[in-house]
Amino acid sequence: MVPPAIPVPDQSDERRLVELARQDANAFAELYRRYVERIHAYAFRRSGSRVVAEDVTSATFENALRGLGTYRWSEPGIGPWLFRIASNEFANHHRGIARQDRVVQSLHQAAQLGVSSQIADMDSGDHDLRAALAALRPRYQQALTLRYFADLTNEEAALAMGVSRRTMAVIVHRGAAALRRTLETMRDDQEVMKNG
């Protein structure tokens, strides 16, 4: 059972809450409550799978709890650090899957299964967008997901990815252009199939 929330009036108290969380489980529970939905939404948008999102979210907060003693406060708060942990967990998850797939199947089959399983877990309303996002390079997926689905600022997303704000802006711009091209190609292919 999760302990009752610690009353924290606004974001300016987050630094104090982080200090308390290093010694008090209730304070860490409040940090968890503040960020769990955003981290889960980010992981879900990256993976398209609720199961993967839950695993990544769980691992993120386990690692945050273990690493909180070494966390050094920086503006704009602990959020970018948590998103960076989530990004690393997502990458670790996919590295683990890739290792398993190499043992079990050929690379071609593994790629097909990875894409089809992600698409199967997606909500139908966002199917085209999610499929197009899944087709992008992982760096573009991460940047676009942090900026537009996790609602991080450019600065927060840059901190989460470990890049400068300028580099983040370039990655987001290129990722958005690649996403637009992918969506256009998908729509063109759908038109050909309808009319063909």
Protein backbone atom coordinates (compact mmCIF):
# COMPACT_ATOMS: atom_id res chain seq x y z
CA MET A 1 0.00 0.00 0.00
CA VAL A 2 1.26 3.48 -0.91
CA PRO A 3 1.54 5.84 2.07
CA PRO A 4 -0.58 9.02 2.12
CA ALA A 5 0.66 11.92 0.03
CA ILE A 6 2.98 14.46 1.58
CA PRO A 7 1.49 17.90 0.98
CA VAL A 8 3.82 19.78 -1.34
CA PRO A 9 2.26 23.02 -2.57
CA ASP A 10 4.23 23.67 -5.76
CA GLN A 11 7.24 22.79 -7.93
CA SER A 12 9.50 25.18 -6.00
CA ASP A 13 9.38 22.70 -3.10
CA GLU A 14 10.60 19.85 -5.28
CA ARG A 15 14.22 20.37 -4.27
CA ARG A 16 13.29 20.01 -0.59
CA LEU A 17 11.19 16.95 -1.43
CA VAL A 18 14.18 15.35 -3.19
CA GLU A 19 16.31 15.96 -0.10
CA LEU A 20 13.63 14.40 2.11
CA ALA A 21 13.21 11.45 -0.26
CA ARG A 22 16.81 10.45 0.33
CA GLN A 23 15.85 9.46 3.87
CA ASP A 24 12.06 9.15 3.90
CA ALA A 25 10.02 6.63 1.92
CA ASN A 26 6.93 8.86 2.15
CA ALA A 27 8.78 11.68 0.41
CA PHE A 28 9.92 9.32 -2.34
CA ALA A 29 6.33 8.11 -2.67
CA GLU A 30 5.32 11.73 -3.34
CA LEU A 31 7.97 12.04 -6.07
CA TYR A 32 6.64 8.79 -7.50
CA ARG A 33 3.07 10.14 -7.50
CA ARG A 34 4.19 13.32 -9.23
CA TYR A 35 5.99 11.57 -12.06
CA VAL A 36 4.63 8.04 -12.49
CA GLU A 37 1.92 8.93 -15.02
CA ARG A 38 4.28 11.03 -17.15
CA ILE A 39 7.00 8.36 -17.13
CA HIS A 40 4.46 5.64 -17.95
CA ALA A 41 2.98 7.72 -20.80
CA TYR A 42 6.47 8.32 -22.19
CA ALA A 43 7.34 4.62 -22.02
CA PHE A 44 4.02 3.67 -23.61
CA ARG A 45 4.49 6.14 -26.47
CA ARG A 46 7.99 4.81 -27.08
CA SER A 47 6.99 1.15 -27.02
CA GLY A 48 3.30 1.04 -27.92
CA SER A 49 2.98 -1.71 -25.32
CA ARG A 50 1.39 -1.34 -21.90
CA VAL A 51 3.43 -4.29 -20.59
CA VAL A 52 6.73 -2.76 -21.71
CA ALA A 53 5.64 0.64 -20.37
CA GLU A 54 4.88 -0.88 -16.96
CA ASP A 55 8.23 -2.68 -16.90
CA VAL A 56 10.15 0.44 -17.90
CA THR A 57 8.24 2.59 -15.40
CA SER A 58 8.86 0.15 -12.58
CA ALA A 59 12.57 -0.15 -13.38
CA THR A 60 12.85 3.65 -13.67
CA PHE A 61 11.61 4.23 -10.14
CA GLU A 62 13.60 1.33 -8.71
CA ASN A 63 16.77 2.82 -10.22
CA ALA A 64 15.78 6.32 -9.10
CA LEU A 65 15.34 5.11 -5.53
CA ARG A 66 18.75 3.42 -5.61
CA GLY A 67 20.44 6.39 -7.28
CA LEU A 68 18.78 9.21 -5.37
CA GLY A 69 21.74 9.45 -3.00
CA THR A 70 24.04 10.40 -5.87
CA TYR A 71 21.56 12.66 -7.70
CA ARG A 72 22.76 16.27 -7.84
CA TRP A 73 20.03 18.87 -8.04
CA SER A 74 19.83 20.91 -11.20
CA GLU A 75 17.16 23.14 -12.67
CA PRO A 76 14.48 22.45 -13.88
CA GLY A 77 14.22 19.70 -11.26
CA ILE A 78 14.31 15.93 -11.01
CA GLY A 79 12.02 15.28 -14.00
CA PRO A 80 14.70 15.21 -16.72
CA TRP A 81 16.80 12.84 -14.59
CA LEU A 82 13.83 10.47 -14.28
CA PHE A 83 13.17 10.64 -18.03
CA ARG A 84 16.83 9.88 -18.70
CA ILE A 85 16.59 6.80 -16.48
CA ALA A 86 13.42 5.79 -18.36
CA SER A 87 15.19 6.27 -21.70
CA ASN A 88 18.06 4.09 -20.53
CA GLU A 89 15.65 1.43 -19.28
CA PHE A 90 13.84 1.48 -22.61
CA ALA A 91 17.16 0.98 -24.42
CA ASN A 92 18.12 -1.82 -22.01
CA HIS A 93 14.77 -3.49 -22.63
CA HIS A 94 15.29 -3.43 -26.38
CA ARG A 95 18.87 -4.65 -26.11
CA GLY A 96 17.60 -7.60 -24.07
CA ILE A 97 14.94 -8.40 -26.66
CA ALA A 98 17.49 -8.15 -29.46
CA ARG A 99 19.79 -10.63 -27.71
CA GLN A 100 16.92 -13.08 -27.22
CA ASP A 101 15.78 -12.70 -30.82
CA ARG A 102 19.24 -13.44 -32.21
CA VAL A 103 19.25 -16.72 -30.35
CA VAL A 104 15.71 -17.72 -31.31
CA GLN A 105 15.20 -16.29 -34.83
CA SER A 106 16.93 -14.71 -37.76
CA LEU A 107 17.32 -10.92 -37.77
CA HIS A 108 14.65 -10.60 -40.43
CA GLN A 109 12.06 -12.48 -38.41
CA ALA A 110 12.96 -10.58 -35.24
CA ALA A 111 12.43 -7.23 -36.95
CA GLN A 112 9.05 -8.33 -38.31
CA LEU A 113 7.91 -9.62 -34.91
CA GLY A 114 9.10 -6.50 -33.13
CA VAL A 115 7.09 -4.22 -35.39
CA SER A 116 3.98 -6.40 -35.53
CA SER A 117 3.85 -6.87 -31.76
CA GLN A 118 4.11 -3.11 -31.22
CA ILE A 119 1.37 -2.41 -33.74
CA ALA A 120 -0.87 -5.09 -32.23
CA ASP A 121 -0.65 -3.41 -28.80
CA MET A 122 -1.50 0.08 -30.07
CA ASP A 123 -4.82 1.85 -29.78
CA SER A 124 -6.48 2.05 -33.19
CA GLY A 125 -6.96 5.84 -33.07
CA ASP A 126 -3.23 6.54 -33.18
CA HIS A 127 -2.30 3.60 -35.40
CA ASP A 128 -0.78 5.56 -38.28
CA LEU A 129 1.08 7.98 -36.03
CA ARG A 130 2.43 5.21 -33.82
CA ALA A 131 3.43 3.07 -36.78
CA ALA A 132 5.23 6.02 -38.34
CA LEU A 133 6.93 6.84 -35.04
CA ALA A 134 8.03 3.21 -34.65
CA ALA A 135 9.61 3.38 -38.12
CA LEU A 136 11.91 6.26 -37.13
CA ARG A 137 15.45 6.00 -35.82
CA PRO A 138 15.43 5.44 -32.03
CA ARG A 139 17.01 8.86 -31.40
CA TYR A 140 14.17 10.58 -33.28
CA GLN A 141 11.58 8.43 -31.50
CA GLN A 142 13.03 9.40 -28.13
CA ALA A 143 13.22 13.12 -28.91
CA LEU A 144 9.70 13.39 -30.33
CA THR A 145 8.22 11.30 -27.54
CA LEU A 146 9.88 13.40 -24.84
CA ARG A 147 8.89 16.72 -26.42
CA TYR A 148 5.36 16.04 -27.61
CA PHE A 149 4.01 13.05 -25.69
CA ALA A 150 5.77 13.50 -22.34
CA ASP A 151 5.27 17.30 -22.65
CA LEU A 152 8.82 18.16 -21.62
CA THR A 153 10.28 21.52 -22.55
CA ASN A 154 13.15 21.57 -25.02
CA GLU A 155 15.55 22.10 -22.11
CA GLU A 156 14.11 19.22 -20.06
CA ALA A 157 14.14 16.87 -23.05
CA ALA A 158 17.75 17.85 -23.81
CA LEU A 159 18.75 17.05 -20.23
CA ALA A 160 16.90 13.73 -20.40
CA MET A 161 18.75 12.78 -23.59
CA GLY A 162 22.09 14.16 -22.43
CA VAL A 163 22.45 16.65 -25.30
CA SER A 164 22.57 20.43 -25.60
CA ARG A 165 19.38 22.43 -26.23
CA ARG A 166 20.62 23.30 -29.70
CA THR A 167 21.29 19.64 -30.53
CA MET A 168 17.87 18.76 -29.15
CA ALA A 169 16.23 21.32 -31.42
CA VAL A 170 18.02 19.82 -34.43
CA ILE A 171 17.03 16.26 -33.47
CA VAL A 172 13.39 17.29 -32.96
CA HIS A 173 13.35 19.17 -36.28
CA ARG A 174 14.86 16.26 -38.20
CA GLY A 175 12.67 13.75 -36.37
CA ALA A 176 9.52 15.73 -37.17
CA ALA A 177 10.54 15.96 -40.83
CA ALA A 178 11.20 12.21 -40.94
CA LEU A 179 7.87 11.54 -39.22
CA ARG A 180 6.04 13.73 -41.74
CA ARG A 181 7.71 11.93 -44.67
CA THR A 182 6.90 8.53 -43.17
CA LEU A 183 3.25 9.48 -42.63
CA GLU A 184 2.98 10.80 -46.19
CA THR A 185 4.46 7.57 -47.57
CA MET A 186 2.08 5.49 -45.47
CA ARG A 187 -0.92 7.51 -46.66
CA ASP A 188 0.22 7.26 -50.29
CA ASP A 189 0.57 3.50 -49.89
CA GLN A 190 -2.91 3.29 -48.37
CA GLU A 191 -4.37 5.24 -51.31
CA VAL A 192 -2.69 2.93 -53.81
CA MET A 193 -4.09 -0.10 -51.99
CA LYS A 194 -7.61 1.41 -51.93
CA ASN A 195 -7.54 2.38 -55.59
CA GLY A 196 -5.38 -0.47 -56.82
